[in-house]
């Protein structure tokens, strides 16, 4: 398999990496990073077509890959996919839980069902993936990585649903780190910043003006790339991260240092 700048220094040859929400965006970028470092990749996503496309792309690069359609809100589907992946690739060495939903809306413009949908995907889905994967994790030695968001610790107007859900995800990360640490399982959260060419960023910055304003707020003066998140995931999963657990790690170019963001212009643009 050819190497990539995303993974020049890591070797995950033969390791089993399971990625929930792994057919696109940040999570697919993580899957590609691990695949280019030699890992065998299993991924799930709601769309069977997207799963098939993602698997084909990984295989075209020479990776061993498996995918199955599963909605993280449905524990039976998640469990079936985990069992199929474990039967194919063995115990899971790295579990990445990144399924998420988002949209811009004020509390008064948001229906109870809309709020519940994001909480169900982000928080309940993270619980399902972690809880059901536990039986298939390599013990000791497995690494669990949750994909969080800065809304977990930065109150953000028009993002009440995500703030609530991701705060729960980070607390779940820390509780799991305490409960599963004695079994040799490490659990951490990565907090991505604005990552270019992802659906999440398109929702939060739907116009060129809002995208440029987002980039200007980043202290490093650039948007992130999916490989930035993949590199941190691989670092945490490698021997170099072997004493790190329960950490909430921003990979955001310093954006979290700038405080709450005003999404009123982006929310208005998204309604046009």
Protein backbone atom coordinates (compact mmCIF):
# COMPACT_ATOMS: atom_id res chain seq x y z
CA UNK A 1 0.00 0.00 0.00
CA UNK A 2 1.27 3.48 -0.79
CA UNK A 3 1.98 5.78 2.10
CA UNK A 4 0.48 9.21 2.54
CA UNK A 5 1.51 12.44 4.26
CA UNK A 6 -1.42 11.75 6.60
CA UNK A 7 0.38 8.79 8.19
CA UNK A 8 4.14 8.71 7.56
CA UNK A 9 5.23 7.77 11.07
CA UNK A 10 2.59 5.32 12.30
CA UNK A 11 2.36 1.59 11.71
CA UNK A 12 -1.00 -0.06 12.36
CA UNK A 13 -0.36 -3.07 10.17
CA UNK A 14 -2.92 -5.78 10.84
CA UNK A 15 -4.75 -3.74 13.48
CA UNK A 16 -8.56 -3.66 13.39
CA UNK A 17 -10.00 -0.12 13.36
CA UNK A 18 -13.79 0.24 13.59
CA UNK A 19 -15.23 3.65 12.63
CA UNK A 20 -18.85 4.56 13.37
CA UNK A 21 -20.06 7.25 10.99
CA UNK A 22 -17.05 6.44 8.84
CA UNK A 23 -18.37 6.86 5.30
CA UNK A 24 -17.71 10.58 4.90
CA UNK A 25 -16.15 13.74 6.30
CA UNK A 26 -13.88 13.72 9.33
CA UNK A 27 -14.57 10.09 10.16
CA UNK A 28 -13.75 8.86 6.67
CA UNK A 29 -10.58 10.96 6.83
CA UNK A 30 -9.67 9.10 10.02
CA UNK A 31 -10.43 5.77 8.35
CA UNK A 32 -8.18 6.67 5.41
CA UNK A 33 -5.36 7.71 7.74
CA UNK A 34 -5.42 4.41 9.59
CA UNK A 35 -5.80 2.45 6.33
CA UNK A 36 -2.73 4.13 4.85
CA UNK A 37 -0.87 3.12 8.01
CA UNK A 38 -1.74 -0.53 7.36
CA UNK A 39 -4.89 -1.03 9.45
CA UNK A 40 -7.85 -3.16 8.49
CA UNK A 41 -10.91 -0.89 8.47
CA UNK A 42 -14.50 -1.67 9.39
CA UNK A 43 -17.00 1.15 9.12
CA UNK A 44 -20.70 1.79 9.56
CA UNK A 45 -22.99 4.57 8.43
CA UNK A 46 -26.72 4.95 7.84
CA UNK A 47 -26.45 4.98 4.05
CA UNK A 48 -25.65 1.65 2.40
CA UNK A 49 -24.60 3.47 -0.77
CA UNK A 50 -22.15 5.70 1.10
CA UNK A 51 -20.75 2.70 2.94
CA UNK A 52 -20.18 0.84 -0.33
CA UNK A 53 -18.48 3.88 -1.88
CA UNK A 54 -16.22 4.38 1.14
CA UNK A 55 -15.21 0.71 1.21
CA UNK A 56 -14.45 0.80 -2.52
CA UNK A 57 -12.25 3.87 -2.08
CA UNK A 58 -10.31 2.24 0.74
CA UNK A 59 -9.87 -0.97 -1.21
CA UNK A 60 -8.68 1.00 -4.24
CA UNK A 61 -5.81 2.24 -2.06
CA UNK A 62 -4.95 -1.32 -1.11
CA UNK A 63 -6.64 -1.49 2.27
CA UNK A 64 -8.58 -4.38 3.73
CA UNK A 65 -11.98 -2.87 4.37
CA UNK A 66 -15.45 -3.94 5.45
CA UNK A 67 -18.61 -1.90 5.76
CA UNK A 68 -22.20 -2.36 6.84
CA UNK A 69 -25.14 0.02 6.94
CA UNK A 70 -26.22 0.71 10.52
CA UNK A 71 -27.89 3.61 12.30
CA UNK A 72 -26.22 4.28 15.67
CA UNK A 73 -29.66 5.01 17.12
CA UNK A 74 -30.56 1.35 16.57
CA UNK A 75 -28.56 -0.86 18.95
CA UNK A 76 -29.51 -4.09 17.19
CA UNK A 77 -28.04 -2.82 13.91
CA UNK A 78 -24.88 -1.61 15.65
CA UNK A 79 -24.43 -4.93 17.42
CA UNK A 80 -24.88 -6.89 14.18
CA UNK A 81 -22.25 -4.76 12.44
CA UNK A 82 -19.79 -5.12 15.32
CA UNK A 83 -20.22 -8.89 15.33
CA UNK A 84 -19.70 -9.06 11.57
CA UNK A 85 -16.58 -6.90 11.77
CA UNK A 86 -15.13 -8.95 14.64
CA UNK A 87 -15.80 -12.17 12.74
CA UNK A 88 -13.89 -10.76 9.78
CA UNK A 89 -11.00 -8.90 11.43
CA UNK A 90 -10.86 -10.13 15.02
CA UNK A 91 -10.83 -8.00 18.20
CA UNK A 92 -11.12 -4.25 17.74
CA UNK A 93 -7.88 -2.40 18.46
CA UNK A 94 -9.21 1.10 17.79
CA UNK A 95 -12.84 2.18 18.06
CA UNK A 96 -13.74 5.59 16.60
CA UNK A 97 -17.23 6.85 17.44
CA UNK A 98 -18.07 9.86 15.35
CA UNK A 99 -21.66 9.69 14.09
CA UNK A 100 -23.25 13.13 14.49
CA UNK A 101 -26.03 15.41 13.34
CA UNK A 102 -26.29 19.20 13.31
CA UNK A 103 -28.23 22.17 11.98
CA UNK A 104 -28.59 25.82 12.94
CA UNK A 105 -31.70 26.75 14.92
CA UNK A 106 -32.65 28.79 17.95
CA UNK A 107 -34.32 27.01 20.85
CA UNK A 108 -37.66 28.62 20.00
CA UNK A 109 -37.37 27.54 16.36
CA UNK A 110 -36.49 23.97 17.27
CA UNK A 111 -39.12 21.28 17.75
CA UNK A 112 -38.75 18.72 20.53
CA UNK A 113 -38.24 16.07 17.87
CA UNK A 114 -35.44 18.05 16.21
CA UNK A 115 -33.63 18.44 19.55
CA UNK A 116 -34.16 14.77 20.34
CA UNK A 117 -32.81 13.65 16.97
CA UNK A 118 -29.41 15.25 17.54
CA UNK A 119 -29.20 13.98 21.11
CA UNK A 120 -30.16 10.51 19.91
CA UNK A 121 -27.48 10.44 17.21
CA UNK A 122 -24.66 12.17 19.07
CA UNK A 123 -25.09 11.06 22.67
CA UNK A 124 -27.26 7.96 22.66
CA UNK A 125 -25.48 6.76 19.52
CA UNK A 126 -22.09 7.18 21.22
CA UNK A 127 -23.37 5.16 24.17
CA UNK A 128 -24.64 2.38 21.89
CA UNK A 129 -21.37 2.15 19.97
CA UNK A 130 -19.15 2.11 23.06
CA UNK A 131 -21.37 -0.16 25.15
CA UNK A 132 -21.91 -2.73 22.42
CA UNK A 133 -18.30 -2.65 21.21
CA UNK A 134 -16.91 -3.43 24.65
CA UNK A 135 -17.24 -7.19 24.20
CA UNK A 136 -15.21 -6.97 20.98
CA UNK A 137 -12.43 -4.66 22.18
CA UNK A 138 -8.92 -6.01 22.60
CA UNK A 139 -8.28 -6.23 26.35
CA UNK A 140 -5.83 -4.93 27.32
CA UNK A 141 -4.72 -2.53 24.63
CA UNK A 142 -7.81 -1.12 22.92
CA UNK A 143 -8.21 2.59 22.32
CA UNK A 144 -11.62 4.27 22.07
CA UNK A 145 -11.82 7.70 20.42
CA UNK A 146 -14.96 9.82 20.56
CA UNK A 147 -15.36 12.69 18.11
CA UNK A 148 -16.74 15.62 20.10
CA UNK A 149 -17.17 19.34 19.35
CA UNK A 150 -16.26 22.62 20.99
CA UNK A 151 -19.97 23.19 21.67
CA UNK A 152 -19.48 20.70 24.51
CA UNK A 153 -17.71 23.37 26.56
CA UNK A 154 -18.49 26.62 24.74
CA UNK A 155 -22.13 27.81 25.01
CA UNK A 156 -23.10 28.54 21.41
CA UNK A 157 -26.34 30.23 20.29
CA UNK A 158 -28.31 28.27 17.65
CA UNK A 159 -26.53 25.10 18.83
CA UNK A 160 -28.36 24.14 22.05
CA UNK A 161 -28.96 20.60 20.81
CA UNK A 162 -25.29 20.03 19.95
CA UNK A 163 -24.06 21.73 23.14
CA UNK A 164 -26.19 19.40 25.25
CA UNK A 165 -25.36 16.26 23.27
CA UNK A 166 -21.60 16.78 22.98
CA UNK A 167 -21.25 17.80 26.64
CA UNK A 168 -22.79 14.42 27.37
CA UNK A 169 -20.36 12.70 25.01
CA UNK A 170 -17.36 14.24 26.77
CA UNK A 171 -18.67 13.22 30.19
CA UNK A 172 -19.32 9.72 28.85
CA UNK A 173 -15.71 9.65 27.62
CA UNK A 174 -14.37 10.45 31.06
CA UNK A 175 -16.62 7.98 32.86
CA UNK A 176 -15.65 5.21 30.43
CA UNK A 177 -11.97 6.07 30.91
CA UNK A 178 -12.42 5.50 34.65
CA UNK A 179 -14.54 2.35 34.38
CA UNK A 180 -12.57 0.66 31.58
CA UNK A 181 -9.07 1.77 32.54
CA UNK A 182 -8.48 -1.27 34.79
CA UNK A 183 -9.17 -3.46 31.73
CA UNK A 184 -6.43 -1.70 29.79
CA UNK A 185 -8.84 0.24 27.57
CA UNK A 186 -8.12 3.92 26.99
CA UNK A 187 -10.93 6.37 26.09
CA UNK A 188 -10.42 9.93 24.82
CA UNK A 189 -12.32 12.64 22.94
CA UNK A 190 -11.02 14.62 19.97
CA UNK A 191 -12.60 18.04 19.47
CA UNK A 192 -12.23 19.06 15.80
CA UNK A 193 -12.24 22.68 14.78
CA UNK A 194 -13.62 23.92 11.45
CA UNK A 195 -12.57 21.24 8.97
CA UNK A 196 -12.69 22.15 5.28
CA UNK A 197 -14.92 20.30 2.83
CA UNK A 198 -17.07 18.59 5.43
CA UNK A 199 -20.84 18.52 5.79
CA UNK A 200 -20.57 19.88 9.33
CA UNK A 201 -18.74 22.99 8.20
CA UNK A 202 -21.15 23.51 5.31
CA UNK A 203 -24.00 23.57 7.80
CA UNK A 204 -22.30 26.00 10.18
CA UNK A 205 -20.81 28.23 7.46
CA UNK A 206 -23.18 27.93 4.49
CA UNK A 207 -21.88 30.92 2.49
CA UNK A 208 -18.48 32.15 1.39
CA UNK A 209 -18.80 35.11 3.78
CA UNK A 210 -19.57 32.96 6.83
CA UNK A 211 -16.81 30.53 5.87
CA UNK A 212 -14.28 33.36 5.59
CA UNK A 213 -15.42 34.76 8.94
CA UNK A 214 -14.92 31.35 10.52
CA UNK A 215 -11.39 31.06 9.16
CA UNK A 216 -10.51 34.56 10.41
CA UNK A 217 -11.38 33.55 13.98
CA UNK A 218 -8.91 30.66 13.99
CA UNK A 219 -5.64 31.76 15.66
CA UNK A 220 -3.64 29.67 13.17
CA UNK A 221 -5.47 31.54 10.39
CA UNK A 222 -6.59 28.49 8.42
CA UNK A 223 -9.27 25.88 8.27
CA UNK A 224 -8.31 22.38 9.31
CA UNK A 225 -8.03 19.32 7.10
CA UNK A 226 -9.37 15.85 7.82
CA UNK A 227 -5.79 14.61 8.03
CA UNK A 228 -5.24 16.91 11.03
CA UNK A 229 -7.84 14.91 12.94
CA UNK A 230 -6.58 11.59 11.57
CA UNK A 231 -3.08 12.33 12.83
CA UNK A 232 -4.32 13.03 16.35
CA UNK A 233 -6.42 9.86 16.31
CA UNK A 234 -3.40 7.81 15.26
CA UNK A 235 -1.22 9.46 17.89
CA UNK A 236 -3.73 8.60 20.61
CA UNK A 237 -4.03 5.03 19.35
CA UNK A 238 -0.28 4.53 19.06
CA UNK A 239 2.22 3.60 21.76
CA UNK A 240 3.02 7.31 22.05
CA UNK A 241 -0.43 7.82 23.55
CA UNK A 242 -0.33 4.78 25.81
CA UNK A 243 -0.63 6.82 29.04
CA UNK A 244 -3.37 9.16 27.83
CA UNK A 245 -6.96 8.46 28.83
CA UNK A 246 -9.96 10.58 29.77
CA UNK A 247 -8.58 13.52 27.78
CA UNK A 248 -10.68 16.02 25.82
CA UNK A 249 -8.29 17.25 23.12
CA UNK A 250 -9.09 20.20 20.84
CA UNK A 251 -7.60 19.95 17.35
CA UNK A 252 -8.92 23.29 16.18
CA UNK A 253 -6.08 25.68 15.41
CA UNK A 254 -6.81 27.43 18.70
CA UNK A 255 -10.43 28.31 17.90
CA UNK A 256 -11.69 27.26 21.34
CA UNK A 257 -9.51 29.98 22.86
CA UNK A 258 -11.56 32.69 21.16
CA UNK A 259 -14.74 32.04 23.11
CA UNK A 260 -18.38 31.71 22.01
CA UNK A 261 -19.24 32.19 18.35
CA UNK A 262 -22.13 34.17 16.90
CA UNK A 263 -23.96 32.00 14.39
CA UNK A 264 -26.82 34.47 13.83
CA UNK A 265 -25.61 35.42 10.32
CA UNK A 266 -25.05 31.77 9.41
CA UNK A 267 -28.46 30.83 10.78
CA UNK A 268 -30.11 33.54 8.70
CA UNK A 269 -28.21 32.40 5.60
CA UNK A 270 -29.23 28.80 6.14
CA UNK A 271 -32.91 29.77 6.09
CA UNK A 272 -32.72 31.53 2.73
